[in-house]
């Protein structure tokens, strides 16, 4: 059974506490928080202050995804804000191993995200040191995009590498997850589904989460 992580990027920020309570009361497992800086991706979302406010309402695991340049400058701030897993982008880190060590030293789980064009083989030297691989199944920056079909093959390839090396690393899929494709994504080997618009644009978000959880 997959972990379901609604993305707060699609939440109603005028009623953020209400949306947090909805996730608390649902079968969702994680809160997924997308942090964007307008440099690494062509959009700006929110920073540690908003994460801190969400953490006050959240009763579930806080999965913070940094789509930013120089994440090492902000790692401690996100730890203090309440992040439990901190994911950085391979493409944004000149010294990725050092970034992971920093996250772990602060007591958080560590994740590495890769963009759609980046091959999963580029993770082979860091896989043993991390807890989560976030495969971007859309080009990062905006919610509501369509799932890139080639991601399914990337999931299968990565799953085979993880099994072959007997590693305990979760595969997280971020972007374009819907009720229509969730089953095929899980069957390919995904462990965590990030869902934004699918949950928050639903007329019944709690039921939608329950359906995602049932695959």
N, C-alpha and C. Protein backbone atom coordinates (compact mmCIF):
# COMPACT_ATOMS: atom_id res chain seq x y z
N UNK A 1 0.85 -1.20 0.00
CA UNK A 1 0.00 0.00 0.00
C UNK A 1 0.89 1.25 0.00
N UNK A 2 0.65 2.13 -0.95
CA UNK A 2 1.50 3.30 -1.11
C UNK A 2 1.24 4.35 -0.03
N UNK A 3 2.27 5.13 0.23
CA UNK A 3 2.16 6.31 1.09
C UNK A 3 1.57 7.44 0.24
N UNK A 4 0.55 8.10 0.75
CA UNK A 4 -0.08 9.21 0.03
C UNK A 4 0.33 10.52 0.70
N UNK A 5 0.86 11.43 -0.13
CA UNK A 5 1.40 12.69 0.38
C UNK A 5 0.78 13.87 -0.37
N UNK A 6 -0.36 14.38 0.09
CA UNK A 6 -0.96 15.54 -0.56
C UNK A 6 0.00 16.74 -0.58
N UNK A 7 0.07 17.39 -1.73
CA UNK A 7 0.95 18.55 -1.88
C UNK A 7 0.21 19.83 -1.52
N UNK A 8 0.71 20.51 -0.52
CA UNK A 8 0.07 21.75 -0.05
C UNK A 8 0.19 22.88 -1.07
N UNK A 9 0.98 22.68 -2.11
CA UNK A 9 1.09 23.70 -3.15
C UNK A 9 -0.28 23.97 -3.78
N UNK A 10 -1.15 22.96 -3.78
CA UNK A 10 -2.48 23.11 -4.37
C UNK A 10 -3.55 23.48 -3.35
N UNK A 11 -3.16 23.66 -2.11
CA UNK A 11 -4.13 24.00 -1.06
C UNK A 11 -4.63 25.43 -1.20
N UNK A 12 -5.69 25.75 -0.47
CA UNK A 12 -6.22 27.11 -0.43
C UNK A 12 -5.51 27.85 0.71
N UNK A 13 -4.61 28.75 0.37
CA UNK A 13 -3.79 29.39 1.39
C UNK A 13 -4.58 30.40 2.24
N UNK A 14 -5.80 30.73 1.83
CA UNK A 14 -6.67 31.54 2.69
C UNK A 14 -7.27 30.69 3.81
N UNK A 15 -7.27 29.37 3.58
CA UNK A 15 -7.84 28.44 4.56
C UNK A 15 -6.86 27.29 4.81
N UNK A 16 -5.61 27.65 5.03
CA UNK A 16 -4.56 26.63 5.13
C UNK A 16 -4.76 25.71 6.32
N UNK A 17 -5.18 26.27 7.45
CA UNK A 17 -5.40 25.44 8.63
C UNK A 17 -6.52 24.42 8.37
N UNK A 18 -7.54 24.85 7.67
CA UNK A 18 -8.65 23.95 7.34
C UNK A 18 -8.18 22.80 6.46
N UNK A 19 -7.33 23.12 5.48
CA UNK A 19 -6.80 22.08 4.60
C UNK A 19 -5.86 21.14 5.34
N UNK A 20 -5.10 21.68 6.29
CA UNK A 20 -4.24 20.82 7.12
C UNK A 20 -5.08 19.86 7.96
N UNK A 21 -6.17 20.36 8.50
CA UNK A 21 -7.06 19.51 9.29
C UNK A 21 -7.68 18.42 8.43
N UNK A 22 -8.00 18.77 7.18
CA UNK A 22 -8.55 17.76 6.27
C UNK A 22 -7.55 16.62 6.08
N UNK A 23 -6.27 16.96 5.88
CA UNK A 23 -5.25 15.92 5.72
C UNK A 23 -5.11 15.11 7.01
N UNK A 24 -5.13 15.82 8.14
CA UNK A 24 -5.04 15.12 9.44
C UNK A 24 -6.16 14.08 9.59
N UNK A 25 -7.34 14.43 9.11
CA UNK A 25 -8.52 13.57 9.28
C UNK A 25 -8.70 12.54 8.17
N UNK A 26 -7.80 12.56 7.21
CA UNK A 26 -7.89 11.64 6.07
C UNK A 26 -6.96 10.45 6.26
N UNK A 27 -6.93 9.59 5.25
CA UNK A 27 -6.02 8.43 5.27
C UNK A 27 -4.65 8.77 4.67
N UNK A 28 -4.41 10.05 4.40
CA UNK A 28 -3.09 10.46 3.91
C UNK A 28 -2.03 10.18 4.97
N UNK A 29 -0.80 9.97 4.52
CA UNK A 29 0.29 9.61 5.42
C UNK A 29 1.25 10.76 5.69
N UNK A 30 1.52 11.55 4.66
CA UNK A 30 2.50 12.63 4.75
C UNK A 30 1.88 13.94 4.29
N UNK A 31 2.47 15.04 4.74
CA UNK A 31 2.27 16.37 4.13
C UNK A 31 3.46 16.59 3.20
N UNK A 32 3.21 16.96 1.95
CA UNK A 32 4.30 17.26 1.02
C UNK A 32 4.33 18.77 0.78
N UNK A 33 5.47 19.38 1.08
CA UNK A 33 5.61 20.84 1.01
C UNK A 33 6.66 21.21 -0.02
N UNK A 34 6.22 21.87 -1.09
CA UNK A 34 7.11 22.24 -2.19
C UNK A 34 7.63 23.66 -2.01
N UNK A 35 8.93 23.77 -1.84
CA UNK A 35 9.58 25.08 -1.63
C UNK A 35 10.30 25.47 -2.92
N UNK A 36 9.94 26.62 -3.49
CA UNK A 36 10.51 27.08 -4.76
C UNK A 36 11.09 28.48 -4.61
N UNK A 37 12.20 28.73 -5.30
CA UNK A 37 12.92 29.99 -5.11
C UNK A 37 12.88 30.94 -6.30
N UNK A 38 12.25 30.54 -7.40
CA UNK A 38 12.22 31.41 -8.57
C UNK A 38 13.52 31.41 -9.36
N UNK A 39 14.49 30.61 -8.93
CA UNK A 39 15.77 30.51 -9.64
C UNK A 39 15.96 29.10 -10.20
N UNK A 40 15.92 28.12 -9.30
CA UNK A 40 16.06 26.73 -9.76
C UNK A 40 14.85 26.32 -10.59
N UNK A 41 13.68 26.82 -10.20
CA UNK A 41 12.45 26.60 -10.97
C UNK A 41 11.79 27.95 -11.22
N UNK A 42 10.98 28.06 -12.29
CA UNK A 42 10.38 29.36 -12.64
C UNK A 42 9.12 29.67 -11.85
N UNK A 43 9.21 29.56 -10.53
CA UNK A 43 8.05 29.87 -9.69
C UNK A 43 8.57 30.11 -8.27
N UNK A 44 7.81 30.82 -7.47
CA UNK A 44 8.14 31.05 -6.06
C UNK A 44 6.95 30.56 -5.24
N UNK A 45 7.21 29.79 -4.20
CA UNK A 45 6.10 29.29 -3.38
C UNK A 45 6.16 29.87 -1.98
N UNK A 46 6.88 29.19 -1.08
CA UNK A 46 6.95 29.65 0.32
C UNK A 46 8.23 29.15 0.94
N UNK A 47 8.52 29.66 2.14
CA UNK A 47 9.76 29.31 2.82
C UNK A 47 9.53 28.73 4.20
N UNK A 48 10.56 28.79 5.05
CA UNK A 48 10.48 28.16 6.37
C UNK A 48 9.33 28.66 7.24
N UNK A 49 8.95 29.92 7.12
CA UNK A 49 7.90 30.46 7.98
C UNK A 49 6.57 29.74 7.75
N UNK A 50 6.21 29.52 6.49
CA UNK A 50 4.96 28.81 6.18
C UNK A 50 5.05 27.35 6.63
N UNK A 51 6.22 26.74 6.43
CA UNK A 51 6.42 25.36 6.89
C UNK A 51 6.20 25.28 8.40
N UNK A 52 6.69 26.28 9.11
CA UNK A 52 6.53 26.31 10.57
C UNK A 52 5.06 26.39 10.97
N UNK A 53 4.29 27.21 10.26
CA UNK A 53 2.85 27.33 10.56
C UNK A 53 2.13 26.02 10.25
N UNK A 54 2.48 25.39 9.12
CA UNK A 54 1.87 24.10 8.77
C UNK A 54 2.21 23.06 9.82
N UNK A 55 3.45 23.07 10.29
CA UNK A 55 3.89 22.09 11.30
C UNK A 55 3.08 22.19 12.58
N UNK A 56 2.58 23.38 12.89
CA UNK A 56 1.78 23.56 14.10
C UNK A 56 0.43 22.86 13.99
N UNK A 57 -0.08 22.73 12.77
CA UNK A 57 -1.37 22.09 12.56
C UNK A 57 -1.24 20.62 12.16
N UNK A 58 -0.13 20.29 11.51
CA UNK A 58 0.04 18.94 10.96
C UNK A 58 0.26 17.91 12.06
N UNK A 59 -0.42 16.78 11.92
CA UNK A 59 -0.24 15.67 12.86
C UNK A 59 0.40 14.48 12.16
N UNK A 60 0.92 14.73 10.96
CA UNK A 60 1.55 13.67 10.17
C UNK A 60 2.93 14.14 9.69
N UNK A 61 3.65 13.21 9.11
CA UNK A 61 5.03 13.39 8.68
C UNK A 61 5.17 14.56 7.70
N UNK A 62 6.15 15.43 7.93
CA UNK A 62 6.38 16.59 7.06
C UNK A 62 7.51 16.31 6.08
N UNK A 63 7.14 16.19 4.83
CA UNK A 63 8.05 15.88 3.73
C UNK A 63 8.29 17.18 2.95
N UNK A 64 9.46 17.78 3.12
CA UNK A 64 9.74 19.09 2.53
C UNK A 64 10.67 18.92 1.33
N UNK A 65 10.23 19.41 0.18
CA UNK A 65 10.93 19.25 -1.10
C UNK A 65 11.48 20.61 -1.52
N UNK A 66 12.81 20.74 -1.46
CA UNK A 66 13.46 22.00 -1.79
C UNK A 66 13.80 22.07 -3.27
N UNK A 67 13.07 22.86 -4.01
CA UNK A 67 13.38 23.13 -5.42
C UNK A 67 14.07 24.49 -5.48
N UNK A 68 15.26 24.51 -4.87
CA UNK A 68 15.98 25.77 -4.71
C UNK A 68 17.47 25.57 -4.96
N UNK A 69 18.13 26.65 -5.32
CA UNK A 69 19.59 26.65 -5.42
C UNK A 69 20.20 26.82 -4.02
N UNK A 70 21.40 26.31 -3.85
CA UNK A 70 22.15 26.41 -2.59
C UNK A 70 21.32 26.00 -1.37
N UNK A 71 20.74 24.81 -1.39
CA UNK A 71 19.89 24.39 -0.27
C UNK A 71 20.61 24.31 1.06
N UNK A 72 21.92 24.14 1.01
CA UNK A 72 22.69 24.03 2.25
C UNK A 72 22.58 25.28 3.13
N UNK A 73 22.24 26.41 2.53
CA UNK A 73 22.10 27.65 3.29
C UNK A 73 20.83 27.67 4.15
N UNK A 74 19.87 26.81 3.82
CA UNK A 74 18.56 26.86 4.47
C UNK A 74 18.18 25.58 5.20
N UNK A 75 19.07 24.60 5.16
CA UNK A 75 18.76 23.29 5.75
C UNK A 75 18.38 23.39 7.21
N UNK A 76 19.15 24.13 7.98
CA UNK A 76 18.88 24.24 9.42
C UNK A 76 17.57 24.98 9.67
N UNK A 77 17.27 25.97 8.84
CA UNK A 77 16.02 26.72 9.01
C UNK A 77 14.81 25.82 8.80
N UNK A 78 14.90 24.91 7.83
CA UNK A 78 13.77 24.00 7.59
C UNK A 78 13.67 22.94 8.67
N UNK A 79 14.81 22.52 9.21
CA UNK A 79 14.79 21.61 10.35
C UNK A 79 14.08 22.29 11.53
N UNK A 80 14.42 23.52 11.81
CA UNK A 80 13.82 24.26 12.92
C UNK A 80 12.33 24.52 12.68
N UNK A 81 11.94 24.58 11.41
CA UNK A 81 10.53 24.82 11.06
C UNK A 81 9.68 23.57 11.24
N UNK A 82 10.33 22.40 11.29
CA UNK A 82 9.57 21.17 11.52
C UNK A 82 9.71 20.09 10.47
N UNK A 83 10.56 20.29 9.47
CA UNK A 83 10.75 19.28 8.43
C UNK A 83 11.28 17.98 9.03
N UNK A 84 10.70 16.86 8.59
CA UNK A 84 11.17 15.54 9.04
C UNK A 84 11.94 14.82 7.94
N UNK A 85 11.53 15.04 6.70
CA UNK A 85 12.33 14.61 5.56
C UNK A 85 12.63 15.85 4.73
N UNK A 86 13.88 16.00 4.34
CA UNK A 86 14.27 17.14 3.51
C UNK A 86 14.88 16.60 2.23
N UNK A 87 14.25 16.96 1.11
CA UNK A 87 14.70 16.50 -0.21
C UNK A 87 15.32 17.65 -0.98
N UNK A 88 16.51 17.41 -1.52
CA UNK A 88 17.21 18.40 -2.34
C UNK A 88 17.34 17.84 -3.76
N UNK A 89 17.54 18.73 -4.72
CA UNK A 89 17.67 18.30 -6.10
C UNK A 89 19.13 18.00 -6.46
N UNK A 90 19.32 16.86 -7.07
CA UNK A 90 20.66 16.51 -7.57
C UNK A 90 21.20 17.62 -8.46
N UNK A 91 20.33 18.18 -9.30
CA UNK A 91 20.78 19.19 -10.27
C UNK A 91 21.17 20.51 -9.62
N UNK A 92 20.74 20.73 -8.36
CA UNK A 92 21.01 22.00 -7.68
C UNK A 92 22.21 21.92 -6.73
N UNK A 93 22.75 20.71 -6.55
CA UNK A 93 23.80 20.51 -5.53
C UNK A 93 25.16 20.21 -6.17
N UNK A 94 26.10 21.11 -5.97
CA UNK A 94 27.46 20.87 -6.46
C UNK A 94 28.16 19.80 -5.63
N UNK A 95 27.81 19.74 -4.35
CA UNK A 95 28.43 18.78 -3.43
C UNK A 95 27.32 17.99 -2.75
N UNK A 96 26.69 17.11 -3.52
CA UNK A 96 25.48 16.43 -3.05
C UNK A 96 25.73 15.60 -1.79
N UNK A 97 26.83 14.87 -1.75
CA UNK A 97 27.10 14.03 -0.59
C UNK A 97 27.21 14.88 0.67
N UNK A 98 27.83 16.03 0.57
CA UNK A 98 27.95 16.95 1.71
C UNK A 98 26.57 17.47 2.14
N UNK A 99 25.72 17.76 1.14
CA UNK A 99 24.35 18.21 1.45
C UNK A 99 23.58 17.14 2.24
N UNK A 100 23.73 15.90 1.82
CA UNK A 100 23.05 14.79 2.50
C UNK A 100 23.58 14.62 3.92
N UNK A 101 24.88 14.69 4.07
CA UNK A 101 25.49 14.59 5.41
C UNK A 101 24.95 15.68 6.33
N UNK A 102 24.80 16.88 5.80
CA UNK A 102 24.29 18.01 6.58
C UNK A 102 22.86 17.73 7.06
N UNK A 103 22.02 17.24 6.16
CA UNK A 103 20.63 16.94 6.51
C UNK A 103 20.57 15.87 7.59
N UNK A 104 21.36 14.82 7.41
CA UNK A 104 21.37 13.71 8.38
C UNK A 104 21.90 14.16 9.74
N UNK A 105 22.92 15.00 9.72
CA UNK A 105 23.52 15.47 10.97
C UNK A 105 22.52 16.28 11.79
N UNK A 106 21.53 16.88 11.12
CA UNK A 106 20.51 17.66 11.82
C UNK A 106 19.35 16.79 12.28
N UNK A 107 19.43 15.48 12.02
CA UNK A 107 18.42 14.56 12.53
C UNK A 107 17.23 14.33 11.63
N UNK A 108 17.31 14.77 10.38
CA UNK A 108 16.22 14.56 9.43
C UNK A 108 16.54 13.38 8.52
N UNK A 109 15.49 12.80 7.93
CA UNK A 109 15.70 11.90 6.81
C UNK A 109 16.06 12.75 5.60
N UNK A 110 16.76 12.11 4.64
CA UNK A 110 17.26 12.85 3.49
C UNK A 110 16.74 12.25 2.19
N UNK A 111 16.34 13.12 1.29
CA UNK A 111 15.89 12.69 -0.03
C UNK A 111 16.64 13.42 -1.12
N UNK A 112 16.68 12.79 -2.29
CA UNK A 112 17.24 13.43 -3.48
C UNK A 112 16.20 13.37 -4.59
N UNK A 113 15.92 14.50 -5.20
CA UNK A 113 14.99 14.58 -6.33
C UNK A 113 15.76 14.73 -7.63
N UNK A 114 15.19 14.15 -8.70
CA UNK A 114 15.78 14.35 -10.02
C UNK A 114 14.69 14.79 -11.00
N UNK A 115 15.07 15.66 -11.92
CA UNK A 115 14.15 16.17 -12.93
C UNK A 115 13.89 15.11 -14.01
N UNK A 116 12.86 15.31 -14.82
CA UNK A 116 12.50 14.30 -15.82
C UNK A 116 13.63 13.91 -16.78
N UNK A 117 14.52 14.84 -17.08
CA UNK A 117 15.58 14.54 -18.06
C UNK A 117 16.79 13.84 -17.43
N UNK A 118 16.84 13.74 -16.11
CA UNK A 118 18.00 13.18 -15.43
C UNK A 118 17.84 11.66 -15.28
N UNK A 119 18.83 10.88 -15.74
CA UNK A 119 18.71 9.42 -15.63
C UNK A 119 18.86 8.94 -14.19
N UNK A 120 18.14 7.86 -13.85
CA UNK A 120 18.21 7.35 -12.48
C UNK A 120 19.60 6.80 -12.15
N UNK A 121 20.36 6.43 -13.18
CA UNK A 121 21.72 5.91 -12.95
C UNK A 121 22.62 6.94 -12.29
N UNK A 122 22.27 8.22 -12.42
CA UNK A 122 23.09 9.28 -11.81
C UNK A 122 23.02 9.26 -10.29
N UNK A 123 22.09 8.46 -9.74
CA UNK A 123 21.93 8.37 -8.28
C UNK A 123 22.75 7.26 -7.65
N UNK A 124 23.42 6.45 -8.45
CA UNK A 124 24.01 5.21 -7.92
C UNK A 124 25.01 5.44 -6.80
N UNK A 125 25.74 6.56 -6.80
CA UNK A 125 26.76 6.80 -5.78
C UNK A 125 26.20 7.44 -4.51
N UNK A 126 24.91 7.79 -4.52
CA UNK A 126 24.32 8.42 -3.33
C UNK A 126 23.18 7.59 -2.74
N UNK A 127 22.72 6.59 -3.48
CA UNK A 127 21.53 5.82 -3.05
C UNK A 127 21.66 5.23 -1.66
N UNK A 128 22.83 4.73 -1.32
CA UNK A 128 23.01 4.07 -0.02
C UNK A 128 22.94 5.05 1.15
N UNK A 129 23.01 6.34 0.86
CA UNK A 129 23.06 7.35 1.92
C UNK A 129 21.73 8.06 2.16
N UNK A 130 20.70 7.72 1.37
CA UNK A 130 19.46 8.50 1.45
C UNK A 130 18.26 7.61 1.78
N UNK A 131 17.15 8.25 2.09
CA UNK A 131 15.93 7.56 2.48
C UNK A 131 14.86 7.58 1.39
N UNK A 132 14.90 8.62 0.55
CA UNK A 132 13.87 8.82 -0.46
C UNK A 132 14.50 9.29 -1.76
N UNK A 133 14.01 8.75 -2.88
CA UNK A 133 14.30 9.34 -4.19
C UNK A 133 12.99 9.90 -4.72
N UNK A 134 12.98 11.18 -5.02
CA UNK A 134 11.79 11.82 -5.57
C UNK A 134 11.99 11.96 -7.09
N UNK A 135 11.25 11.15 -7.84
CA UNK A 135 11.30 11.25 -9.29
C UNK A 135 10.26 12.27 -9.75
N UNK A 136 10.73 13.36 -10.33
CA UNK A 136 9.81 14.34 -10.87
C UNK A 136 9.17 13.78 -12.13
N UNK A 137 7.85 13.69 -12.12
CA UNK A 137 7.12 13.15 -13.27
C UNK A 137 6.47 14.26 -14.08
N UNK A 138 6.82 15.50 -13.75
CA UNK A 138 6.54 16.69 -14.56
C UNK A 138 7.78 17.58 -14.43
N UNK A 139 7.88 18.59 -15.28
CA UNK A 139 8.96 19.55 -15.11
C UNK A 139 8.62 20.45 -13.92
N UNK A 140 9.52 20.55 -12.94
CA UNK A 140 9.17 21.19 -11.68
C UNK A 140 8.89 22.68 -11.82
N UNK A 141 7.99 23.17 -10.96
CA UNK A 141 7.70 24.60 -10.92
C UNK A 141 6.24 24.92 -10.77
N UNK A 142 5.38 24.09 -11.37
CA UNK A 142 3.95 24.41 -11.35
C UNK A 142 3.12 23.14 -11.14
N UNK A 143 2.03 23.29 -10.39
CA UNK A 143 1.09 22.19 -10.22
C UNK A 143 0.19 22.06 -11.43
N UNK A 144 -0.54 20.94 -11.50
CA UNK A 144 -1.54 20.77 -12.54
C UNK A 144 -1.02 20.29 -13.88
N UNK A 145 0.25 19.86 -13.94
CA UNK A 145 0.80 19.38 -15.21
C UNK A 145 0.49 17.90 -15.41
N UNK A 146 0.63 17.44 -16.67
CA UNK A 146 0.35 16.05 -17.00
C UNK A 146 1.56 15.17 -16.73
N UNK A 147 1.31 13.97 -16.24
CA UNK A 147 2.31 12.97 -15.95
C UNK A 147 3.11 12.61 -17.21
N UNK A 148 4.43 12.56 -17.10
CA UNK A 148 5.29 12.17 -18.22
C UNK A 148 5.39 10.64 -18.24
N UNK A 149 4.86 9.99 -19.28
CA UNK A 149 4.77 8.53 -19.29
C UNK A 149 6.11 7.80 -19.10
N UNK A 150 7.20 8.38 -19.61
CA UNK A 150 8.51 7.73 -19.49
C UNK A 150 8.91 7.51 -18.03
N UNK A 151 8.26 8.22 -17.12
CA UNK A 151 8.56 8.06 -15.69
C UNK A 151 8.36 6.62 -15.24
N UNK A 152 7.40 5.92 -15.82
CA UNK A 152 7.13 4.53 -15.41
C UNK A 152 8.35 3.66 -15.62
N UNK A 153 9.04 3.86 -16.73
CA UNK A 153 10.25 3.08 -17.00
C UNK A 153 11.37 3.46 -16.02
N UNK A 154 11.43 4.74 -15.68
CA UNK A 154 12.43 5.18 -14.69
C UNK A 154 12.17 4.53 -13.33
N UNK A 155 10.89 4.43 -12.96
CA UNK A 155 10.54 3.79 -11.68
C UNK A 155 11.02 2.34 -11.69
N UNK A 156 10.71 1.62 -12.78
CA UNK A 156 11.10 0.20 -12.86
C UNK A 156 12.61 0.03 -12.78
N UNK A 157 13.34 0.88 -13.48
CA UNK A 157 14.80 0.81 -13.47
C UNK A 157 15.35 1.07 -12.08
N UNK A 158 14.84 2.11 -11.43
CA UNK A 158 15.32 2.46 -10.09
C UNK A 158 14.96 1.38 -9.09
N UNK A 159 13.75 0.84 -9.19
CA UNK A 159 13.32 -0.22 -8.26
C UNK A 159 14.24 -1.43 -8.37
N UNK A 160 14.63 -1.78 -9.59
CA UNK A 160 15.52 -2.92 -9.81
C UNK A 160 16.88 -2.69 -9.16
N UNK A 161 17.40 -1.45 -9.28
CA UNK A 161 18.69 -1.11 -8.67
C UNK A 161 18.60 -1.21 -7.15
N UNK A 162 17.53 -0.67 -6.58
CA UNK A 162 17.35 -0.68 -5.12
C UNK A 162 17.26 -2.12 -4.61
N UNK A 163 16.50 -2.96 -5.31
CA UNK A 163 16.36 -4.36 -4.89
C UNK A 163 17.67 -5.11 -5.04
N UNK A 164 18.36 -4.89 -6.14
CA UNK A 164 19.63 -5.57 -6.39
C UNK A 164 20.65 -5.26 -5.30
N UNK A 165 20.62 -4.03 -4.81
CA UNK A 165 21.59 -3.61 -3.79
C UNK A 165 21.04 -3.75 -2.37
N UNK A 166 19.79 -4.24 -2.27
CA UNK A 166 19.15 -4.48 -0.97
C UNK A 166 19.15 -3.22 -0.10
N UNK A 167 18.71 -2.12 -0.70
CA UNK A 167 18.68 -0.83 0.00
C UNK A 167 17.28 -0.53 0.49
N UNK A 168 17.19 0.28 1.52
CA UNK A 168 15.90 0.71 2.07
C UNK A 168 15.65 2.15 1.66
N UNK A 169 15.26 2.33 0.41
CA UNK A 169 15.04 3.66 -0.16
C UNK A 169 13.65 3.70 -0.79
N UNK A 170 12.86 4.68 -0.41
CA UNK A 170 11.51 4.83 -0.96
C UNK A 170 11.56 5.61 -2.28
N UNK A 171 10.74 5.19 -3.22
CA UNK A 171 10.60 5.91 -4.49
C UNK A 171 9.33 6.76 -4.41
N UNK A 172 9.52 8.06 -4.53
CA UNK A 172 8.41 9.02 -4.45
C UNK A 172 8.17 9.61 -5.83
N UNK A 173 6.92 9.70 -6.23
CA UNK A 173 6.56 10.26 -7.54
C UNK A 173 5.83 11.58 -7.34
N UNK A 174 6.34 12.61 -7.98
CA UNK A 174 5.83 13.96 -7.77
C UNK A 174 5.46 14.59 -9.11
N UNK A 175 4.14 14.73 -9.34
CA UNK A 175 3.69 15.44 -10.53
C UNK A 175 2.73 14.64 -11.39
N UNK A 176 1.54 15.16 -11.57
CA UNK A 176 0.59 14.55 -12.49
C UNK A 176 -0.02 13.25 -12.02
N UNK A 177 0.02 12.97 -10.72
CA UNK A 177 -0.59 11.75 -10.18
C UNK A 177 -2.11 11.93 -10.13
N UNK A 178 -2.83 10.98 -10.72
CA UNK A 178 -4.30 11.04 -10.76
C UNK A 178 -4.89 9.69 -10.34
N UNK A 179 -6.19 9.67 -10.17
CA UNK A 179 -6.87 8.40 -9.88
C UNK A 179 -6.75 7.44 -11.05
N UNK A 180 -6.55 7.98 -12.25
CA UNK A 180 -6.47 7.15 -13.45
C UNK A 180 -5.11 6.47 -13.60
N UNK A 181 -4.03 7.14 -13.15
CA UNK A 181 -2.70 6.54 -13.37
C UNK A 181 -2.03 6.02 -12.11
N UNK A 182 -2.64 6.24 -10.94
CA UNK A 182 -2.00 5.86 -9.67
C UNK A 182 -1.67 4.37 -9.61
N UNK A 183 -2.58 3.53 -10.08
CA UNK A 183 -2.38 2.08 -10.00
C UNK A 183 -1.15 1.66 -10.81
N UNK A 184 -1.01 2.20 -12.01
CA UNK A 184 0.13 1.83 -12.86
C UNK A 184 1.45 2.34 -12.27
N UNK A 185 1.40 3.50 -11.60
CA UNK A 185 2.61 4.05 -10.97
C UNK A 185 3.04 3.15 -9.81
N UNK A 186 2.07 2.70 -9.01
CA UNK A 186 2.39 1.82 -7.88
C UNK A 186 2.89 0.47 -8.37
N UNK A 187 2.25 -0.05 -9.41
CA UNK A 187 2.65 -1.35 -9.96
C UNK A 187 4.06 -1.29 -10.54
N UNK A 188 4.48 -0.12 -11.01
CA UNK A 188 5.84 0.03 -11.54
C UNK A 188 6.89 0.00 -10.42
N UNK A 189 6.44 0.29 -9.17
CA UNK A 189 7.37 0.21 -8.05
C UNK A 189 7.42 1.42 -7.14
N UNK A 190 6.52 2.37 -7.33
CA UNK A 190 6.52 3.57 -6.48
C UNK A 190 6.03 3.26 -5.08
N UNK A 191 6.61 3.94 -4.10
CA UNK A 191 6.22 3.77 -2.68
C UNK A 191 5.42 4.96 -2.15
N UNK A 192 5.66 6.14 -2.72
CA UNK A 192 5.03 7.37 -2.24
C UNK A 192 4.43 8.12 -3.43
N UNK A 193 3.16 8.50 -3.32
CA UNK A 193 2.52 9.30 -4.36
C UNK A 193 2.24 10.70 -3.83
N UNK A 194 2.81 11.69 -4.48
CA UNK A 194 2.49 13.09 -4.18
C UNK A 194 1.31 13.49 -5.07
N UNK A 195 0.27 14.02 -4.46
CA UNK A 195 -0.91 14.41 -5.22
C UNK A 195 -1.35 15.79 -4.79
N UNK A 196 -1.40 16.72 -5.74
CA UNK A 196 -1.80 18.09 -5.44
C UNK A 196 -3.20 18.39 -5.91
N UNK A 197 -3.32 18.73 -7.19
CA UNK A 197 -4.64 19.08 -7.73
C UNK A 197 -5.64 17.94 -7.61
N UNK A 198 -5.16 16.70 -7.77
CA UNK A 198 -6.07 15.55 -7.67
C UNK A 198 -6.80 15.54 -6.33
N UNK A 199 -6.11 15.93 -5.28
CA UNK A 199 -6.72 15.97 -3.95
C UNK A 199 -7.48 17.27 -3.74
N UNK A 200 -6.80 18.39 -3.92
CA UNK A 200 -7.38 19.67 -3.49
C UNK A 200 -8.42 20.25 -4.45
N UNK A 201 -8.44 19.79 -5.69
CA UNK A 201 -9.49 20.22 -6.62
C UNK A 201 -10.67 19.27 -6.63
N UNK A 202 -10.57 18.21 -5.84
CA UNK A 202 -11.64 17.23 -5.75
C UNK A 202 -12.83 17.80 -4.97
N UNK A 203 -14.03 17.36 -5.33
CA UNK A 203 -15.21 17.79 -4.58
C UNK A 203 -15.26 17.10 -3.21
N UNK A 204 -14.52 15.98 -3.09
CA UNK A 204 -14.45 15.25 -1.82
C UNK A 204 -13.02 14.78 -1.61
N UNK A 205 -12.14 15.67 -1.12
CA UNK A 205 -10.72 15.34 -0.99
C UNK A 205 -10.45 14.11 -0.12
N UNK A 206 -11.20 13.94 0.96
CA UNK A 206 -10.97 12.80 1.85
C UNK A 206 -11.27 11.49 1.13
N UNK A 207 -12.33 11.47 0.34
CA UNK A 207 -12.67 10.28 -0.44
C UNK A 207 -11.63 10.02 -1.53
N UNK A 208 -11.15 11.08 -2.15
CA UNK A 208 -10.12 10.94 -3.19
C UNK A 208 -8.85 10.35 -2.60
N UNK A 209 -8.44 10.81 -1.43
CA UNK A 209 -7.27 10.26 -0.75
C UNK A 209 -7.50 8.78 -0.44
N UNK A 210 -8.70 8.45 0.01
CA UNK A 210 -9.04 7.06 0.32
C UNK A 210 -8.92 6.19 -0.95
N UNK A 211 -9.36 6.71 -2.08
CA UNK A 211 -9.25 5.96 -3.33
C UNK A 211 -7.79 5.78 -3.73
N UNK A 212 -6.97 6.82 -3.59
CA UNK A 212 -5.54 6.71 -3.90
C UNK A 212 -4.89 5.66 -2.99
N UNK A 213 -5.33 5.62 -1.75
CA UNK A 213 -4.77 4.70 -0.77
C UNK A 213 -5.17 3.24 -1.07
N UNK A 214 -6.23 3.05 -1.82
CA UNK A 214 -6.77 1.70 -2.04
C UNK A 214 -6.04 0.94 -3.15
N UNK A 215 -5.21 1.61 -3.94
CA UNK A 215 -4.55 0.93 -5.07
C UNK A 215 -3.42 0.02 -4.57
